[in-house]
Structures are given as structure tokens and as C-alpha cells.
PDB file of N, CA and C in Angstrom:
ATOM      1  N   MET A   1     -70.789  25.681  15.970  1.00  0.00           N
ATOM      2  CA  MET A   1     -69.780  25.663  17.002  1.00  0.00           C
ATOM      3  C   MET A   1     -69.450  24.209  17.332  1.00  0.00           C
ATOM      4  N   LYS A   2     -68.176  23.939  17.385  1.00  0.00           N
ATOM      5  CA  LYS A   2     -67.711  22.578  17.621  1.00  0.00           C
ATOM      6  C   LYS A   2     -67.391  22.406  19.111  1.00  0.00           C
ATOM      7  N   THR A   3     -67.868  21.335  19.688  1.00  0.00           N
ATOM      8  CA  THR A   3     -67.579  21.075  21.105  1.00  0.00           C
ATOM      9  C   THR A   3     -66.914  19.722  21.235  1.00  0.00           C
ATOM     10  N   GLY A   4     -66.275  19.519  22.349  1.00  0.00           N
ATOM     11  CA  GLY A   4     -65.644  18.227  22.612  1.00  0.00           C
ATOM     12  C   GLY A   4     -64.158  18.285  22.323  1.00  0.00           C
ATOM     13  N   GLY A   5     -63.435  17.420  22.978  1.00  0.00           N
ATOM     14  CA  GLY A   5     -61.992  17.401  22.797  1.00  0.00           C
ATOM     15  C   GLY A   5     -61.584  16.446  21.701  1.00  0.00           C
ATOM     16  N   MET A   6     -60.331  16.522  21.366  1.00  0.00           N
ATOM     17  CA  MET A   6     -59.790  15.658  20.321  1.00  0.00           C
ATOM     18  C   MET A   6     -58.877  14.599  20.923  1.00  0.00           C
ATOM     19  N   LEU A   7     -59.029  14.363  22.207  1.00  0.00           N
ATOM     20  CA  LEU A   7     -58.146  13.438  22.891  1.00  0.00           C
ATOM     21  C   LEU A   7     -58.227  12.028  22.323  1.00  0.00           C
ATOM     22  N   PHE A   8     -59.427  11.547  22.074  1.00  0.00           N
ATOM     23  CA  PHE A   8     -59.594  10.168  21.620  1.00  0.00           C
ATOM     24  C   PHE A   8     -59.957  10.069  20.148  1.00  0.00           C
ATOM     25  N   LYS A   9     -59.930  11.157  19.429  1.00  0.00           N
ATOM     26  CA  LYS A   9     -60.312  11.146  18.019  1.00  0.00           C
ATOM     27  C   LYS A   9     -59.308  10.328  17.222  1.00  0.00           C
ATOM     28  N   GLY A  10     -59.789   9.395  16.481  1.00  0.00           N
ATOM     29  CA  GLY A  10     -58.937   8.574  15.642  1.00  0.00           C
ATOM     30  C   GLY A  10     -58.243   7.446  16.383  1.00  0.00           C
ATOM     31  N   LYS A  11     -58.552   7.253  17.625  1.00  0.00           N
ATOM     32  CA  LYS A  11     -57.923   6.180  18.394  1.00  0.00           C
ATOM     33  C   LYS A  11     -58.954   5.102  18.671  1.00  0.00           C
ATOM     34  N   GLY A  12     -58.539   3.899  18.447  1.00  0.00           N
ATOM     35  CA  GLY A  12     -59.427   2.789  18.733  1.00  0.00           C
ATOM     36  C   GLY A  12     -59.300   2.354  20.174  1.00  0.00           C
ATOM     37  N   ALA A  13     -60.190   1.469  20.547  1.00  0.00           N
ATOM     38  CA  ALA A  13     -60.180   0.972  21.927  1.00  0.00           C
ATOM     39  C   ALA A  13     -58.872   0.261  22.252  1.00  0.00           C
ATOM     40  N   GLY A  14     -58.307  -0.420  21.270  1.00  0.00           N
ATOM     41  CA  GLY A  14     -57.052  -1.141  21.497  1.00  0.00           C
ATOM     42  C   GLY A  14     -55.895  -0.212  21.798  1.00  0.00           C
ATOM     43  N   SER A  15     -55.794   0.896  21.050  1.00  0.00           N
ATOM     44  CA  SER A  15     -54.682   1.817  21.296  1.00  0.00           C
ATOM     45  C   SER A  15     -54.850   2.560  22.619  1.00  0.00           C
ATOM     46  N   ILE A  16     -56.089   2.843  22.980  1.00  0.00           N
ATOM     47  CA  ILE A  16     -56.337   3.496  24.274  1.00  0.00           C
ATOM     48  C   ILE A  16     -55.970   2.551  25.409  1.00  0.00           C
ATOM     49  N   GLN A  17     -56.320   1.283  25.266  1.00  0.00           N
ATOM     50  CA  GLN A  17     -55.983   0.289  26.288  1.00  0.00           C
ATOM     51  C   GLN A  17     -54.473   0.123  26.395  1.00  0.00           C
ATOM     52  N   LYS A  18     -53.781   0.116  25.249  1.00  0.00           N
ATOM     53  CA  LYS A  18     -52.322  -0.016  25.251  1.00  0.00           C
ATOM     54  C   LYS A  18     -51.682   1.184  25.949  1.00  0.00           C
ATOM     55  N   GLN A  19     -52.201   2.371  25.672  1.00  0.00           N
ATOM     56  CA  GLN A  19     -51.685   3.573  26.310  1.00  0.00           C
ATOM     57  C   GLN A  19     -51.905   3.516  27.824  1.00  0.00           C
ATOM     58  N   GLU A  20     -53.056   3.058  28.232  1.00  0.00           N
ATOM     59  CA  GLU A  20     -53.349   2.936  29.667  1.00  0.00           C
ATOM     60  C   GLU A  20     -52.409   1.932  30.322  1.00  0.00           C
ATOM     61  N   ASP A  21     -52.180   0.803  29.659  1.00  0.00           N
ATOM     62  CA  ASP A  21     -51.281  -0.211  30.208  1.00  0.00           C
ATOM     63  C   ASP A  21     -49.852   0.325  30.331  1.00  0.00           C
ATOM     64  N   ASP A  22     -49.412   1.078  29.315  1.00  0.00           N
ATOM     65  CA  ASP A  22     -48.072   1.659  29.365  1.00  0.00           C
ATOM     66  C   ASP A  22     -47.941   2.637  30.531  1.00  0.00           C
ATOM     67  N   ILE A  23     -48.951   3.466  30.715  1.00  0.00           N
ATOM     68  CA  ILE A  23     -48.921   4.434  31.809  1.00  0.00           C
ATOM     69  C   ILE A  23     -48.926   3.732  33.156  1.00  0.00           C
ATOM     70  N   ARG A  24     -49.733   2.696  33.283  1.00  0.00           N
ATOM     71  CA  ARG A  24     -49.769   1.946  34.550  1.00  0.00           C
ATOM     72  C   ARG A  24     -48.419   1.293  34.832  1.00  0.00           C
ATOM     73  N   ALA A  25     -47.767   0.774  33.795  1.00  0.00           N
ATOM     74  CA  ALA A  25     -46.452   0.148  33.980  1.00  0.00           C
ATOM     75  C   ALA A  25     -45.420   1.187  34.418  1.00  0.00           C
ATOM     76  N   ARG A  26     -45.431   2.367  33.794  1.00  0.00           N
ATOM     77  CA  ARG A  26     -44.493   3.419  34.183  1.00  0.00           C
ATOM     78  C   ARG A  26     -44.749   3.892  35.609  1.00  0.00           C
ATOM     79  N   LEU A  27     -46.017   4.021  35.980  1.00  0.00           N
ATOM     80  CA  LEU A  27     -46.334   4.426  37.352  1.00  0.00           C
ATOM     81  C   LEU A  27     -45.889   3.373  38.357  1.00  0.00           C
ATOM     82  N   GLY A  28     -46.054   2.106  37.999  1.00  0.00           N
ATOM     83  CA  GLY A  28     -45.606   1.036  38.883  1.00  0.00           C
ATOM     84  C   GLY A  28     -44.102   1.067  39.089  1.00  0.00           C
ATOM     85  N   THR A  29     -43.361   1.302  38.000  1.00  0.00           N
ATOM     86  CA  THR A  29     -41.906   1.389  38.084  1.00  0.00           C
ATOM     87  C   THR A  29     -41.482   2.588  38.925  1.00  0.00           C
ATOM     88  N   ALA A  30     -42.135   3.731  38.694  1.00  0.00           N
ATOM     89  CA  ALA A  30     -41.813   4.923  39.481  1.00  0.00           C
ATOM     90  C   ALA A  30     -42.141   4.709  40.959  1.00  0.00           C
ATOM     91  N   ASN A  31     -43.238   4.029  41.242  1.00  0.00           N
ATOM     92  CA  ASN A  31     -43.625   3.758  42.631  1.00  0.00           C
ATOM     93  C   ASN A  31     -42.599   2.851  43.309  1.00  0.00           C
ATOM     94  N   ASP A  32     -42.139   1.835  42.592  1.00  0.00           N
ATOM     95  CA  ASP A  32     -41.127   0.936  43.154  1.00  0.00           C
ATOM     96  C   ASP A  32     -39.825   1.686  43.434  1.00  0.00           C
ATOM     97  N   ALA A  33     -39.432   2.546  42.509  1.00  0.00           N
ATOM     98  CA  ALA A  33     -38.203   3.326  42.700  1.00  0.00           C
ATOM     99  C   ALA A  33     -38.346   4.272  43.893  1.00  0.00           C
ATOM    100  N   PHE A  34     -39.506   4.879  44.037  1.00  0.00           N
ATOM    101  CA  PHE A  34     -39.745   5.775  45.166  1.00  0.00           C
ATOM    102  C   PHE A  34     -39.689   5.022  46.489  1.00  0.00           C
ATOM    103  N   ARG A  35     -40.331   3.859  46.541  1.00  0.00           N
ATOM    104  CA  ARG A  35     -40.307   3.059  47.779  1.00  0.00           C
ATOM    105  C   ARG A  35     -38.887   2.646  48.148  1.00  0.00           C
ATOM    106  N   LYS A  36     -38.086   2.270  47.144  1.00  0.00           N
ATOM    107  CA  LYS A  36     -36.694   1.892  47.408  1.00  0.00           C
ATOM    108  C   LYS A  36     -35.918   3.100  47.931  1.00  0.00           C
ATOM    109  N   SER A  37     -36.165   4.256  47.350  1.00  0.00           N
ATOM    110  CA  SER A  37     -35.491   5.477  47.796  1.00  0.00           C
ATOM    111  C   SER A  37     -35.853   5.808  49.244  1.00  0.00           C
ATOM    112  N   VAL A  38     -37.114   5.670  49.588  1.00  0.00           N
ATOM    113  CA  VAL A  38     -37.556   5.927  50.961  1.00  0.00           C
ATOM    114  C   VAL A  38     -36.909   4.935  51.922  1.00  0.00           C
ATOM    115  N   GLN A  39     -36.855   3.675  51.518  1.00  0.00           N
ATOM    116  CA  GLN A  39     -36.251   2.656  52.370  1.00  0.00           C
ATOM    117  C   GLN A  39     -34.757   2.928  52.565  1.00  0.00           C
ATOM    118  N   ASP A  40     -34.049   3.316  51.495  1.00  0.00           N
ATOM    119  CA  ASP A  40     -32.625   3.648  51.612  1.00  0.00           C
ATOM    120  C   ASP A  40     -32.413   4.836  52.534  1.00  0.00           C
ATOM    121  N   TYR A  41     -33.276   5.839  52.413  1.00  0.00           N
ATOM    122  CA  TYR A  41     -33.180   7.020  53.267  1.00  0.00           C
ATOM    123  C   TYR A  41     -33.414   6.648  54.732  1.00  0.00           C
ATOM    124  N   GLN A  42     -34.391   5.815  54.990  1.00  0.00           N
ATOM    125  CA  GLN A  42     -34.680   5.404  56.371  1.00  0.00           C
ATOM    126  C   GLN A  42     -33.493   4.646  56.966  1.00  0.00           C
ATOM    127  N   THR A  43     -32.857   3.800  56.157  1.00  0.00           N
ATOM    128  CA  THR A  43     -31.688   3.060  56.627  1.00  0.00           C
ATOM    129  C   THR A  43     -30.548   4.016  56.963  1.00  0.00           C
ATOM    130  N   LEU A  44     -30.310   4.985  56.076  1.00  0.00           N
ATOM    131  CA  LEU A  44     -29.264   5.971  56.314  1.00  0.00           C
ATOM    132  C   LEU A  44     -29.564   6.813  57.551  1.00  0.00           C
ATOM    133  N   ARG A  45     -30.794   7.204  57.705  1.00  0.00           N
ATOM    134  CA  ARG A  45     -31.208   8.010  58.856  1.00  0.00           C
ATOM    135  C   ARG A  45     -31.040   7.218  60.155  1.00  0.00           C
ATOM    136  N   GLN A  46     -31.437   5.955  60.120  1.00  0.00           N
ATOM    137  CA  GLN A  46     -31.311   5.109  61.310  1.00  0.00           C
ATOM    138  C   GLN A  46     -29.839   4.940  61.674  1.00  0.00           C
ATOM    139  N   GLU A  47     -28.977   4.737  60.685  1.00  0.00           N
ATOM    140  CA  GLU A  47     -27.547   4.604  60.953  1.00  0.00           C
ATOM    141  C   GLU A  47     -26.994   5.882  61.584  1.00  0.00           C
ATOM    142  N   TYR A  48     -27.408   7.019  61.066  1.00  0.00           N
ATOM    143  CA  TYR A  48     -26.917   8.289  61.598  1.00  0.00           C
ATOM    144  C   TYR A  48     -27.321   8.455  63.063  1.00  0.00           C
ATOM    145  N   PHE A  49     -28.594   8.260  63.365  1.00  0.00           N
ATOM    146  CA  PHE A  49     -29.063   8.501  64.725  1.00  0.00           C
ATOM    147  C   PHE A  49     -28.599   7.438  65.708  1.00  0.00           C
ATOM    148  N   ASN A  50     -28.326   6.220  65.244  1.00  0.00           N
ATOM    149  CA  ASN A  50     -27.901   5.162  66.157  1.00  0.00           C
ATOM    150  C   ASN A  50     -26.390   5.076  66.329  1.00  0.00           C
ATOM    151  N   PHE A  51     -25.619   5.497  65.297  1.00  0.00           N
ATOM    152  CA  PHE A  51     -24.169   5.323  65.378  1.00  0.00           C
ATOM    153  C   PHE A  51     -23.395   6.634  65.295  1.00  0.00           C
ATOM    154  N   GLN A  52     -23.690   7.451  64.303  1.00  0.00           N
ATOM    155  CA  GLN A  52     -22.883   8.643  64.072  1.00  0.00           C
ATOM    156  C   GLN A  52     -23.140   9.736  65.115  1.00  0.00           C
ATOM    157  N   LEU A  53     -24.384  10.045  65.376  1.00  0.00           N
ATOM    158  CA  LEU A  53     -24.717  11.113  66.313  1.00  0.00           C
ATOM    159  C   LEU A  53     -24.186  10.841  67.721  1.00  0.00           C
ATOM    160  N   PRO A  54     -24.335   9.630  68.264  1.00  0.00           N
ATOM    161  CA  PRO A  54     -23.750   9.394  69.594  1.00  0.00           C
ATOM    162  C   PRO A  54     -22.233   9.598  69.633  1.00  0.00           C
ATOM    163  N   LYS A  55     -21.537   9.228  68.541  1.00  0.00           N
ATOM    164  CA  LYS A  55     -20.086   9.455  68.499  1.00  0.00           C
ATOM    165  C   LYS A  55     -19.777  10.944  68.541  1.00  0.00           C
ATOM    166  N   ILE A  56     -20.516  11.712  67.757  1.00  0.00           N
ATOM    167  CA  ILE A  56     -20.304  13.157  67.721  1.00  0.00           C
ATOM    168  C   ILE A  56     -20.558  13.767  69.095  1.00  0.00           C
ATOM    169  N   LEU A  57     -21.618  13.338  69.742  1.00  0.00           N
ATOM    170  CA  LEU A  57     -21.950  13.876  71.064  1.00  0.00           C
ATOM    171  C   LEU A  57     -20.906  13.483  72.107  1.00  0.00           C
ATOM    172  N   ARG A  58     -20.379  12.262  72.015  1.00  0.00           N
ATOM    173  CA  ARG A  58     -19.336  11.843  72.959  1.00  0.00           C
ATOM    174  C   ARG A  58     -18.071  12.671  72.784  1.00  0.00           C
ATOM    175  N   VAL A  59     -17.690  12.908  71.535  1.00  0.00           N
ATOM    176  CA  VAL A  59     -16.488  13.711  71.273  1.00  0.00           C
ATOM    177  C   VAL A  59     -16.690  15.119  71.821  1.00  0.00           C
ATOM    178  N   GLY A  60     -17.855  15.692  71.596  1.00  0.00           N
ATOM    179  CA  GLY A  60     -18.141  17.027  72.124  1.00  0.00           C
ATOM    180  C   GLY A  60     -18.130  17.049  73.634  1.00  0.00           C
ATOM    181  N   ASP A  61     -18.673  16.009  74.244  1.00  0.00           N
ATOM    182  CA  ASP A  61     -18.720  15.927  75.703  1.00  0.00           C
ATOM    183  C   ASP A  61     -17.314  15.818  76.287  1.00  0.00           C
ATOM    184  N   VAL A  62     -16.475  14.996  75.663  1.00  0.00           N
ATOM    185  CA  VAL A  62     -15.096  14.841  76.135  1.00  0.00           C
ATOM    186  C   VAL A  62     -14.346  16.154  75.989  1.00  0.00           C
ATOM    187  N   ALA A  63     -14.502  16.803  74.853  1.00  0.00           N
ATOM    188  CA  ALA A  63     -13.805  18.081  74.641  1.00  0.00           C
ATOM    189  C   ALA A  63     -14.279  19.130  75.642  1.00  0.00           C
ATOM    190  N   TYR A  64     -15.577  19.170  75.895  1.00  0.00           N
ATOM    191  CA  TYR A  64     -16.127  20.122  76.866  1.00  0.00           C
ATOM    192  C   TYR A  64     -15.614  19.810  78.273  1.00  0.00           C
ATOM    193  N   SER A  65     -15.562  18.540  78.632  1.00  0.00           N
ATOM    194  CA  SER A  65     -15.079  18.157  79.967  1.00  0.00           C
ATOM    195  C   SER A  65     -13.611  18.529  80.141  1.00  0.00           C
ATOM    196  N   GLN A  66     -12.814  18.315  79.104  1.00  0.00           N
ATOM    197  CA  GLN A  66     -11.390  18.664  79.192  1.00  0.00           C
ATOM    198  C   GLN A  66     -11.209  20.174  79.315  1.00  0.00           C
ATOM    199  N   LYS A  67     -11.999  20.905  78.536  1.00  0.00           N
ATOM    200  CA  LYS A  67     -11.906  22.369  78.610  1.00  0.00           C
ATOM    201  C   LYS A  67     -12.349  22.855  79.973  1.00  0.00           C
ATOM    202  N   ASP A  68     -13.403  22.248  80.503  1.00  0.00           N
ATOM    203  CA  ASP A  68     -13.893  22.606  81.832  1.00  0.00           C
ATOM    204  C   ASP A  68     -12.846  22.298  82.894  1.00  0.00           C
ATOM    205  N   ALA A  69     -12.190  21.147  82.751  1.00  0.00           N
ATOM    206  CA  ALA A  69     -11.153  20.768  83.725  1.00  0.00           C
ATOM    207  C   ALA A  69      -9.956  21.723  83.647  1.00  0.00           C
ATOM    208  N   ASP A  70      -9.614  22.174  82.450  1.00  0.00           N
ATOM    209  CA  ASP A  70      -8.495  23.132  82.298  1.00  0.00           C
ATOM    210  C   ASP A  70      -8.826  24.459  82.962  1.00  0.00           C
ATOM    211  N   ILE A  71     -10.066  24.878  82.828  1.00  0.00           N
ATOM    212  CA  ILE A  71     -10.474  26.152  83.410  1.00  0.00           C
ATOM    213  C   ILE A  71     -10.480  26.068  84.940  1.00  0.00           C
ATOM    214  N   CYS A  72     -10.964  24.964  85.457  1.00  0.00           N
ATOM    215  CA  CYS A  72     -11.070  24.811  86.916  1.00  0.00           C
ATOM    216  C   CYS A  72      -9.716  24.590  87.582  1.00  0.00           C
ATOM    217  N   SER A  73      -8.743  24.084  86.869  1.00  0.00           N
ATOM    218  CA  SER A  73      -7.445  23.790  87.485  1.00  0.00           C
ATOM    219  C   SER A  73      -6.540  25.006  87.558  1.00  0.00           C
ATOM    220  N   CYS A  74      -6.977  26.131  87.030  1.00  0.00           N
ATOM    221  CA  CYS A  74      -6.143  27.328  87.050  1.00  0.00           C
ATOM    222  C   CYS A  74      -5.989  27.892  88.423  1.00  0.00           C
TER     223      CYS A  74
END
């Protein structure tokens, strides 16, 4: 009965090290891209809550006040 995997069979230490370095480089690139994406999202979210949402709420408040004034003036 044969035991053990064939993951490293026929591979020297140099090729295993090269594979590890390649994987680490790809993970580093993916991590940088993820961090940039998170930072872009945070910027967009901050803009929405600081600028867009207050405008929307003001427009709704003005429309509600005008409608309320129309109802009360009848």
C-alpha cells in the first residue's frame, strides 16, 4: 500500500521556493487591490453621508413642509 501525497514529487527545493515566492507576490497584489477597494468605498460612503444624504433629507423636509402648509391653509 502506497502512502503519501504526490505534491512535492519530482520538485526540487528551488522550484518549491519559486512557487512560494510567486504565491506570496500574488497575495500581496491581491491584498493591495483589496485595501484600495476598501479605501475607495469608505470615501464614497463618507461623501454620501456627509453631502448627498443631507440634501435628500432637506428636499424631503421642504416638500413635507409645503404639503403640510397646503393642508393647513384650506
